[in-house]
N, C-alpha and C. Protein backbone atom coordinates (compact mmCIF):
# COMPACT_ATOMS: atom_id res chain seq x y z
N MET A 1 -6.33 -12.46 10.23
CA MET A 1 -5.14 -12.94 9.58
C MET A 1 -5.46 -13.48 8.19
N LEU A 2 -6.57 -14.18 8.07
CA LEU A 2 -6.93 -14.73 6.77
C LEU A 2 -7.20 -13.62 5.75
N LEU A 3 -7.71 -12.50 6.23
CA LEU A 3 -7.97 -11.38 5.32
C LEU A 3 -6.70 -10.88 4.67
N LEU A 4 -5.60 -10.89 5.42
CA LEU A 4 -4.33 -10.41 4.89
C LEU A 4 -3.75 -11.34 3.85
N ALA A 5 -4.05 -12.62 3.97
CA ALA A 5 -3.43 -13.61 3.10
C ALA A 5 -3.77 -13.39 1.63
N GLY A 6 -4.95 -12.92 1.34
CA GLY A 6 -5.36 -12.79 -0.05
C GLY A 6 -5.12 -11.43 -0.64
N CYS A 7 -4.56 -10.51 0.10
CA CYS A 7 -4.40 -9.15 -0.38
C CYS A 7 -3.09 -9.01 -1.14
N ALA A 8 -3.18 -8.35 -2.29
CA ALA A 8 -1.99 -8.17 -3.11
C ALA A 8 -1.96 -6.77 -3.70
N THR A 9 -0.77 -6.36 -4.09
CA THR A 9 -0.59 -5.08 -4.76
C THR A 9 -0.99 -5.24 -6.23
N PRO A 10 -1.11 -4.13 -6.97
CA PRO A 10 -1.41 -4.26 -8.40
C PRO A 10 -0.39 -5.11 -9.16
N SER A 11 0.85 -5.17 -8.66
CA SER A 11 1.88 -5.99 -9.32
C SER A 11 1.77 -7.46 -8.95
N GLY A 12 0.85 -7.78 -8.04
CA GLY A 12 0.65 -9.17 -7.63
C GLY A 12 1.40 -9.56 -6.38
N GLU A 13 2.24 -8.67 -5.84
CA GLU A 13 2.98 -8.97 -4.62
C GLU A 13 2.06 -8.86 -3.41
N ARG A 14 2.17 -9.81 -2.50
CA ARG A 14 1.35 -9.79 -1.29
C ARG A 14 1.75 -8.59 -0.44
N ILE A 15 0.77 -7.86 0.07
CA ILE A 15 1.10 -6.68 0.87
C ILE A 15 1.76 -7.04 2.20
N ASP A 16 1.54 -8.26 2.67
CA ASP A 16 2.20 -8.63 3.93
C ASP A 16 3.66 -9.03 3.71
N ASN A 17 4.12 -9.01 2.47
CA ASN A 17 5.53 -9.25 2.16
C ASN A 17 6.26 -7.96 1.82
N ILE A 18 5.62 -6.83 2.07
CA ILE A 18 6.20 -5.51 1.83
C ILE A 18 6.32 -4.82 3.19
N PRO A 19 7.47 -4.21 3.50
CA PRO A 19 7.59 -3.53 4.79
C PRO A 19 6.45 -2.55 5.04
N MET A 20 5.94 -2.59 6.25
CA MET A 20 4.85 -1.71 6.71
C MET A 20 3.61 -1.86 5.83
N TYR A 21 3.45 -3.06 5.28
CA TYR A 21 2.32 -3.35 4.39
C TYR A 21 2.21 -2.35 3.25
N GLY A 22 3.34 -1.78 2.88
CA GLY A 22 3.36 -0.83 1.78
C GLY A 22 2.89 0.56 2.13
N GLN A 23 2.63 0.79 3.41
CA GLN A 23 2.12 2.11 3.81
C GLN A 23 3.25 3.13 3.83
N PRO A 24 3.02 4.34 3.55
CA PRO A 24 1.72 4.97 3.28
C PRO A 24 1.30 4.92 1.81
N GLU A 25 2.16 4.40 0.93
CA GLU A 25 1.84 4.40 -0.50
C GLU A 25 0.62 3.56 -0.82
N ILE A 26 0.46 2.44 -0.14
CA ILE A 26 -0.69 1.55 -0.36
C ILE A 26 -1.66 1.73 0.80
N PRO A 27 -2.77 2.40 0.57
CA PRO A 27 -3.72 2.64 1.67
C PRO A 27 -4.37 1.34 2.15
N ARG A 28 -4.65 1.29 3.44
CA ARG A 28 -5.32 0.14 4.04
C ARG A 28 -6.82 0.29 3.89
N SER A 29 -7.47 -0.78 3.47
CA SER A 29 -8.93 -0.78 3.39
C SER A 29 -9.50 -0.80 4.81
N GLU A 30 -10.76 -0.49 4.93
CA GLU A 30 -11.41 -0.52 6.25
C GLU A 30 -11.41 -1.93 6.83
N VAL A 31 -11.56 -2.92 5.97
CA VAL A 31 -11.55 -4.31 6.42
C VAL A 31 -10.19 -4.66 7.01
N LEU A 32 -9.11 -4.25 6.34
CA LEU A 32 -7.77 -4.53 6.85
C LEU A 32 -7.47 -3.73 8.11
N LYS A 33 -7.95 -2.49 8.17
CA LYS A 33 -7.77 -1.70 9.39
C LYS A 33 -8.43 -2.39 10.58
N LYS A 34 -9.60 -2.93 10.35
CA LYS A 34 -10.32 -3.65 11.42
C LYS A 34 -9.55 -4.91 11.81
N ALA A 35 -9.02 -5.64 10.83
CA ALA A 35 -8.23 -6.83 11.12
C ALA A 35 -6.98 -6.46 11.91
N ASP A 36 -6.34 -5.34 11.55
CA ASP A 36 -5.16 -4.86 12.29
C ASP A 36 -5.53 -4.57 13.74
N GLU A 37 -6.63 -3.88 13.92
CA GLU A 37 -7.09 -3.52 15.27
C GLU A 37 -7.37 -4.77 16.10
N ASP A 38 -8.03 -5.75 15.51
CA ASP A 38 -8.31 -7.00 16.21
C ASP A 38 -7.02 -7.73 16.59
N PHE A 39 -6.07 -7.76 15.66
CA PHE A 39 -4.78 -8.40 15.93
C PHE A 39 -4.09 -7.72 17.10
N ILE A 40 -4.03 -6.40 17.08
CA ILE A 40 -3.37 -5.64 18.14
C ILE A 40 -4.03 -5.93 19.49
N ASN A 41 -5.34 -5.91 19.51
CA ASN A 41 -6.07 -6.17 20.76
C ASN A 41 -5.78 -7.57 21.30
N GLN A 42 -5.74 -8.56 20.43
CA GLN A 42 -5.46 -9.93 20.86
C GLN A 42 -4.01 -10.07 21.36
N ALA A 43 -3.08 -9.46 20.66
CA ALA A 43 -1.67 -9.54 21.06
C ALA A 43 -1.45 -8.87 22.41
N VAL A 44 -2.04 -7.72 22.60
CA VAL A 44 -1.89 -6.99 23.85
C VAL A 44 -2.55 -7.76 25.00
N ALA A 45 -3.72 -8.34 24.73
CA ALA A 45 -4.40 -9.13 25.76
C ALA A 45 -3.53 -10.31 26.20
N GLY A 46 -2.80 -10.89 25.27
CA GLY A 46 -1.97 -12.05 25.59
C GLY A 46 -0.64 -11.70 26.22
N LEU A 47 -0.07 -10.54 25.87
CA LEU A 47 1.28 -10.22 26.33
C LEU A 47 1.38 -8.96 27.20
N GLY A 48 0.29 -8.24 27.36
CA GLY A 48 0.27 -7.14 28.32
C GLY A 48 0.48 -5.75 27.77
N SER A 49 1.28 -5.59 26.71
CA SER A 49 1.48 -4.26 26.14
C SER A 49 1.88 -4.40 24.67
N ARG A 50 1.71 -3.32 23.96
CA ARG A 50 2.08 -3.31 22.54
C ARG A 50 3.59 -3.47 22.38
N GLU A 51 4.36 -2.86 23.28
CA GLU A 51 5.81 -2.92 23.18
C GLU A 51 6.33 -4.34 23.39
N VAL A 52 5.81 -5.02 24.40
CA VAL A 52 6.22 -6.39 24.69
C VAL A 52 5.82 -7.30 23.53
N ALA A 53 4.59 -7.13 23.05
CA ALA A 53 4.11 -7.95 21.94
C ALA A 53 4.94 -7.70 20.68
N SER A 54 5.30 -6.45 20.43
CA SER A 54 6.11 -6.12 19.26
C SER A 54 7.46 -6.82 19.32
N ARG A 55 8.08 -6.82 20.48
CA ARG A 55 9.37 -7.51 20.63
C ARG A 55 9.22 -9.02 20.42
N ALA A 56 8.11 -9.58 20.92
CA ALA A 56 7.87 -11.02 20.75
C ALA A 56 7.70 -11.37 19.27
N TRP A 57 6.97 -10.55 18.55
CA TRP A 57 6.76 -10.83 17.11
C TRP A 57 8.07 -10.63 16.34
N ALA A 58 8.88 -9.66 16.73
CA ALA A 58 10.18 -9.46 16.07
C ALA A 58 11.09 -10.66 16.33
N THR A 59 11.05 -11.21 17.53
CA THR A 59 11.85 -12.39 17.85
C THR A 59 11.41 -13.58 17.00
N GLU A 60 10.10 -13.73 16.84
CA GLU A 60 9.58 -14.80 15.99
C GLU A 60 10.03 -14.59 14.54
N ALA A 61 10.01 -13.36 14.09
CA ALA A 61 10.47 -13.04 12.73
C ALA A 61 11.94 -13.39 12.56
N ASP A 62 12.75 -13.10 13.59
CA ASP A 62 14.17 -13.43 13.54
C ASP A 62 14.39 -14.93 13.35
N LYS A 63 13.54 -15.73 13.97
CA LYS A 63 13.65 -17.19 13.82
C LYS A 63 13.40 -17.59 12.36
N TYR A 64 12.37 -17.01 11.76
CA TYR A 64 12.09 -17.30 10.35
C TYR A 64 13.24 -16.82 9.47
N MET A 65 13.80 -15.67 9.82
CA MET A 65 14.93 -15.13 9.08
C MET A 65 16.10 -16.11 9.11
N ALA A 66 16.38 -16.66 10.29
CA ALA A 66 17.49 -17.61 10.45
C ALA A 66 17.26 -18.88 9.63
N GLU A 67 16.00 -19.23 9.42
CA GLU A 67 15.66 -20.41 8.62
C GLU A 67 15.68 -20.10 7.13
N GLY A 68 15.81 -18.81 6.77
CA GLY A 68 15.79 -18.42 5.37
C GLY A 68 14.40 -18.23 4.80
N ASN A 69 13.40 -18.20 5.67
CA ASN A 69 12.01 -18.02 5.22
C ASN A 69 11.68 -16.53 5.25
N LEU A 70 12.05 -15.83 4.18
CA LEU A 70 11.91 -14.38 4.14
C LEU A 70 10.45 -13.93 4.16
N ASP A 71 9.56 -14.68 3.51
CA ASP A 71 8.16 -14.28 3.49
C ASP A 71 7.55 -14.32 4.89
N PHE A 72 7.76 -15.41 5.61
CA PHE A 72 7.21 -15.50 6.96
C PHE A 72 7.87 -14.47 7.88
N ALA A 73 9.18 -14.27 7.70
CA ALA A 73 9.88 -13.27 8.51
C ALA A 73 9.25 -11.89 8.28
N MET A 74 9.05 -11.52 7.02
CA MET A 74 8.47 -10.21 6.72
C MET A 74 7.07 -10.08 7.31
N ARG A 75 6.30 -11.12 7.26
CA ARG A 75 4.94 -11.06 7.84
C ARG A 75 5.01 -10.79 9.34
N ARG A 76 5.93 -11.44 10.03
CA ARG A 76 6.06 -11.21 11.48
C ARG A 76 6.64 -9.83 11.77
N TYR A 77 7.58 -9.36 10.96
CA TYR A 77 8.09 -8.00 11.16
C TYR A 77 6.98 -6.99 10.94
N ASN A 78 6.12 -7.21 9.97
CA ASN A 78 5.00 -6.31 9.75
C ASN A 78 4.06 -6.29 10.96
N GLN A 79 3.81 -7.45 11.52
CA GLN A 79 2.96 -7.50 12.71
C GLN A 79 3.63 -6.80 13.88
N SER A 80 4.93 -6.97 14.00
CA SER A 80 5.69 -6.27 15.03
C SER A 80 5.55 -4.75 14.84
N TRP A 81 5.65 -4.31 13.60
CA TRP A 81 5.50 -2.88 13.27
C TRP A 81 4.11 -2.37 13.63
N LEU A 82 3.08 -3.17 13.33
CA LEU A 82 1.71 -2.77 13.70
C LEU A 82 1.61 -2.54 15.20
N LEU A 83 2.23 -3.40 15.96
CA LEU A 83 2.16 -3.31 17.41
C LEU A 83 2.93 -2.12 17.96
N ASN A 84 4.08 -1.81 17.36
CA ASN A 84 4.89 -0.69 17.83
C ASN A 84 5.73 -0.14 16.67
N PRO A 85 5.24 0.91 16.01
CA PRO A 85 5.97 1.47 14.88
C PRO A 85 7.31 2.10 15.24
N LEU A 86 7.66 2.14 16.52
CA LEU A 86 8.94 2.70 16.95
C LEU A 86 9.93 1.64 17.44
N ASN A 87 9.62 0.37 17.19
CA ASN A 87 10.50 -0.71 17.60
C ASN A 87 11.64 -0.83 16.58
N TYR A 88 12.86 -0.54 17.02
CA TYR A 88 14.00 -0.57 16.10
C TYR A 88 14.20 -1.96 15.50
N GLN A 89 13.84 -3.02 16.24
CA GLN A 89 14.03 -4.39 15.76
C GLN A 89 13.25 -4.64 14.47
N THR A 90 12.10 -4.00 14.37
CA THR A 90 11.27 -4.18 13.19
C THR A 90 11.95 -3.61 11.95
N TYR A 91 12.48 -2.40 12.07
CA TYR A 91 13.15 -1.79 10.91
C TYR A 91 14.43 -2.53 10.57
N TRP A 92 15.11 -3.02 11.58
CA TRP A 92 16.29 -3.83 11.36
C TRP A 92 15.90 -5.07 10.55
N GLY A 93 14.81 -5.69 10.94
CA GLY A 93 14.33 -6.86 10.21
C GLY A 93 13.93 -6.52 8.79
N PHE A 94 13.22 -5.42 8.62
CA PHE A 94 12.86 -4.99 7.26
C PHE A 94 14.13 -4.85 6.42
N GLY A 95 15.15 -4.22 6.99
CA GLY A 95 16.39 -4.01 6.27
C GLY A 95 17.07 -5.32 5.90
N ARG A 96 17.10 -6.26 6.81
CA ARG A 96 17.73 -7.55 6.54
C ARG A 96 17.00 -8.31 5.43
N VAL A 97 15.66 -8.29 5.48
CA VAL A 97 14.89 -8.98 4.44
C VAL A 97 15.11 -8.31 3.09
N MET A 98 15.05 -6.99 3.07
CA MET A 98 15.24 -6.28 1.80
C MET A 98 16.63 -6.52 1.23
N LEU A 99 17.63 -6.59 2.08
CA LEU A 99 18.99 -6.88 1.62
C LEU A 99 19.05 -8.27 1.00
N GLU A 100 18.44 -9.24 1.66
CA GLU A 100 18.40 -10.60 1.12
C GLU A 100 17.65 -10.66 -0.21
N ARG A 101 16.69 -9.79 -0.39
CA ARG A 101 15.92 -9.75 -1.64
C ARG A 101 16.62 -8.91 -2.72
N GLY A 102 17.77 -8.35 -2.38
CA GLY A 102 18.52 -7.57 -3.36
C GLY A 102 18.06 -6.13 -3.50
N LYS A 103 17.23 -5.66 -2.60
CA LYS A 103 16.72 -4.28 -2.62
C LYS A 103 17.57 -3.45 -1.66
N VAL A 104 18.77 -3.15 -2.10
CA VAL A 104 19.79 -2.56 -1.23
C VAL A 104 19.42 -1.17 -0.74
N ASP A 105 18.93 -0.31 -1.63
CA ASP A 105 18.58 1.05 -1.19
C ASP A 105 17.49 1.03 -0.14
N GLU A 106 16.49 0.19 -0.34
CA GLU A 106 15.42 0.07 0.63
C GLU A 106 15.96 -0.51 1.95
N ALA A 107 16.86 -1.47 1.85
CA ALA A 107 17.47 -2.05 3.04
C ALA A 107 18.20 -0.98 3.84
N ILE A 108 18.98 -0.16 3.15
CA ILE A 108 19.73 0.91 3.83
C ILE A 108 18.78 1.87 4.53
N ASP A 109 17.70 2.25 3.88
CA ASP A 109 16.73 3.16 4.50
C ASP A 109 16.20 2.58 5.82
N HIS A 110 15.84 1.31 5.81
CA HIS A 110 15.29 0.69 7.02
C HIS A 110 16.36 0.52 8.10
N LEU A 111 17.57 0.16 7.70
CA LEU A 111 18.64 0.01 8.68
C LEU A 111 19.02 1.34 9.31
N GLU A 112 19.02 2.39 8.52
CA GLU A 112 19.29 3.73 9.08
C GLU A 112 18.20 4.12 10.08
N LYS A 113 16.96 3.81 9.76
CA LYS A 113 15.85 4.09 10.69
C LYS A 113 16.03 3.29 11.98
N ALA A 114 16.43 2.04 11.85
CA ALA A 114 16.67 1.20 13.04
C ALA A 114 17.76 1.81 13.91
N LYS A 115 18.83 2.31 13.28
CA LYS A 115 19.91 2.95 14.04
C LYS A 115 19.39 4.16 14.81
N GLN A 116 18.53 4.95 14.19
CA GLN A 116 17.97 6.13 14.86
C GLN A 116 17.13 5.75 16.08
N LEU A 117 16.40 4.65 15.96
CA LEU A 117 15.48 4.24 17.02
C LEU A 117 16.11 3.37 18.10
N SER A 118 17.27 2.79 17.80
CA SER A 118 17.87 1.82 18.71
C SER A 118 18.34 2.48 20.01
N ASP A 119 17.99 1.81 21.10
CA ASP A 119 18.45 2.24 22.41
C ASP A 119 19.12 1.08 23.15
N ASP A 120 19.41 0.01 22.42
CA ASP A 120 19.99 -1.19 23.00
C ASP A 120 21.47 -1.24 22.66
N GLN A 121 22.30 -0.86 23.61
CA GLN A 121 23.74 -0.80 23.38
C GLN A 121 24.36 -2.17 23.08
N TYR A 122 23.73 -3.24 23.57
CA TYR A 122 24.25 -4.58 23.33
C TYR A 122 24.02 -5.02 21.89
N GLN A 123 22.94 -4.56 21.29
CA GLN A 123 22.62 -4.93 19.91
C GLN A 123 23.18 -3.95 18.89
N LYS A 124 23.61 -2.79 19.34
CA LYS A 124 24.07 -1.73 18.44
C LYS A 124 25.19 -2.20 17.52
N VAL A 125 26.13 -2.97 18.04
CA VAL A 125 27.26 -3.43 17.23
C VAL A 125 26.78 -4.30 16.07
N ALA A 126 25.89 -5.22 16.35
CA ALA A 126 25.36 -6.08 15.29
C ALA A 126 24.55 -5.28 14.28
N LEU A 127 23.78 -4.31 14.75
CA LEU A 127 23.01 -3.45 13.84
C LEU A 127 23.95 -2.65 12.95
N LEU A 128 25.01 -2.11 13.53
CA LEU A 128 25.99 -1.36 12.74
C LEU A 128 26.68 -2.27 11.71
N ALA A 129 26.95 -3.50 12.10
CA ALA A 129 27.58 -4.45 11.17
C ALA A 129 26.65 -4.75 9.99
N ASP A 130 25.37 -4.95 10.26
CA ASP A 130 24.42 -5.20 9.18
C ASP A 130 24.28 -3.98 8.28
N THR A 131 24.28 -2.80 8.87
CA THR A 131 24.21 -1.57 8.08
C THR A 131 25.45 -1.43 7.20
N ALA A 132 26.61 -1.73 7.76
CA ALA A 132 27.85 -1.67 6.99
C ALA A 132 27.83 -2.68 5.84
N THR A 133 27.27 -3.84 6.09
CA THR A 133 27.14 -4.84 5.02
C THR A 133 26.30 -4.30 3.88
N ALA A 134 25.19 -3.65 4.20
CA ALA A 134 24.33 -3.09 3.16
C ALA A 134 25.07 -2.03 2.34
N TYR A 135 25.81 -1.17 3.03
CA TYR A 135 26.58 -0.14 2.30
C TYR A 135 27.69 -0.77 1.47
N SER A 136 28.29 -1.84 1.94
CA SER A 136 29.32 -2.53 1.17
C SER A 136 28.75 -3.15 -0.10
N VAL A 137 27.56 -3.73 0.03
CA VAL A 137 26.89 -4.29 -1.15
C VAL A 137 26.58 -3.17 -2.14
N LYS A 138 26.09 -2.05 -1.62
CA LYS A 138 25.80 -0.88 -2.48
C LYS A 138 27.07 -0.43 -3.19
N ALA A 139 28.17 -0.34 -2.47
CA ALA A 139 29.44 0.08 -3.07
C ALA A 139 29.89 -0.91 -4.14
N ASP A 140 29.76 -2.19 -3.84
CA ASP A 140 30.18 -3.22 -4.78
C ASP A 140 29.37 -3.17 -6.08
N ARG A 141 28.11 -2.78 -5.97
CA ARG A 141 27.24 -2.70 -7.15
C ARG A 141 27.37 -1.39 -7.92
N THR A 142 28.09 -0.44 -7.34
CA THR A 142 28.31 0.84 -8.00
C THR A 142 29.42 0.65 -9.05
N PRO A 143 29.20 1.13 -10.26
CA PRO A 143 30.20 0.94 -11.32
C PRO A 143 31.59 1.44 -10.90
N VAL A 144 32.61 0.73 -11.32
CA VAL A 144 33.99 1.02 -10.97
C VAL A 144 34.37 2.44 -11.38
N GLU A 145 33.83 2.92 -12.50
CA GLU A 145 34.18 4.27 -12.96
C GLU A 145 33.65 5.37 -12.03
N HIS A 146 32.81 5.02 -11.10
CA HIS A 146 32.31 5.97 -10.09
C HIS A 146 33.08 5.75 -8.78
N SER A 147 34.38 5.85 -8.85
CA SER A 147 35.24 5.48 -7.72
C SER A 147 34.98 6.32 -6.47
N ALA A 148 34.69 7.61 -6.64
CA ALA A 148 34.44 8.46 -5.46
C ALA A 148 33.16 8.01 -4.74
N GLU A 149 32.13 7.69 -5.52
CA GLU A 149 30.86 7.23 -4.94
C GLU A 149 31.07 5.87 -4.24
N ARG A 150 31.79 4.97 -4.89
CA ARG A 150 32.08 3.66 -4.28
C ARG A 150 32.83 3.84 -2.97
N ALA A 151 33.83 4.70 -2.98
CA ALA A 151 34.64 4.94 -1.78
C ALA A 151 33.78 5.50 -0.65
N ARG A 152 32.83 6.38 -0.99
CA ARG A 152 31.94 6.96 0.01
C ARG A 152 31.08 5.88 0.66
N TYR A 153 30.56 4.96 -0.14
CA TYR A 153 29.74 3.88 0.42
C TYR A 153 30.57 2.93 1.27
N PHE A 154 31.78 2.61 0.81
CA PHE A 154 32.64 1.75 1.61
C PHE A 154 33.03 2.41 2.92
N GLU A 155 33.21 3.73 2.87
CA GLU A 155 33.56 4.47 4.08
C GLU A 155 32.42 4.41 5.08
């Protein structure tokens, strides 16, 4: 974990504050790959499976999200992603954080991925609402003279 704390992109942004640690665009060093492997092994040993551990880390991320701590939330969503890259909750979290950071297009991409992966009918409504919010923000930011494009996003 300490190894991840000091890692940054060329722009100075911490890689643990970027969805999926910036992968595949930002390659993982061997040291970070080893740290990832150790983390996964410890999480699985404690919780029994990668899927269960991924859900636990996503739940922890949601708590940070509710507190408004986007950096800690993103770090936990990244750990959730490491544990299970097919966990829809992780992409949903990535989308929520990106939307809060004003990165609407990136938020939409992650929310759409979450919709594809989601198999939880009870959470589907909330996921769809968050996705609709992202599209509404996108529409609102689209210039008024592009009325057809705005209408498409609102739709």
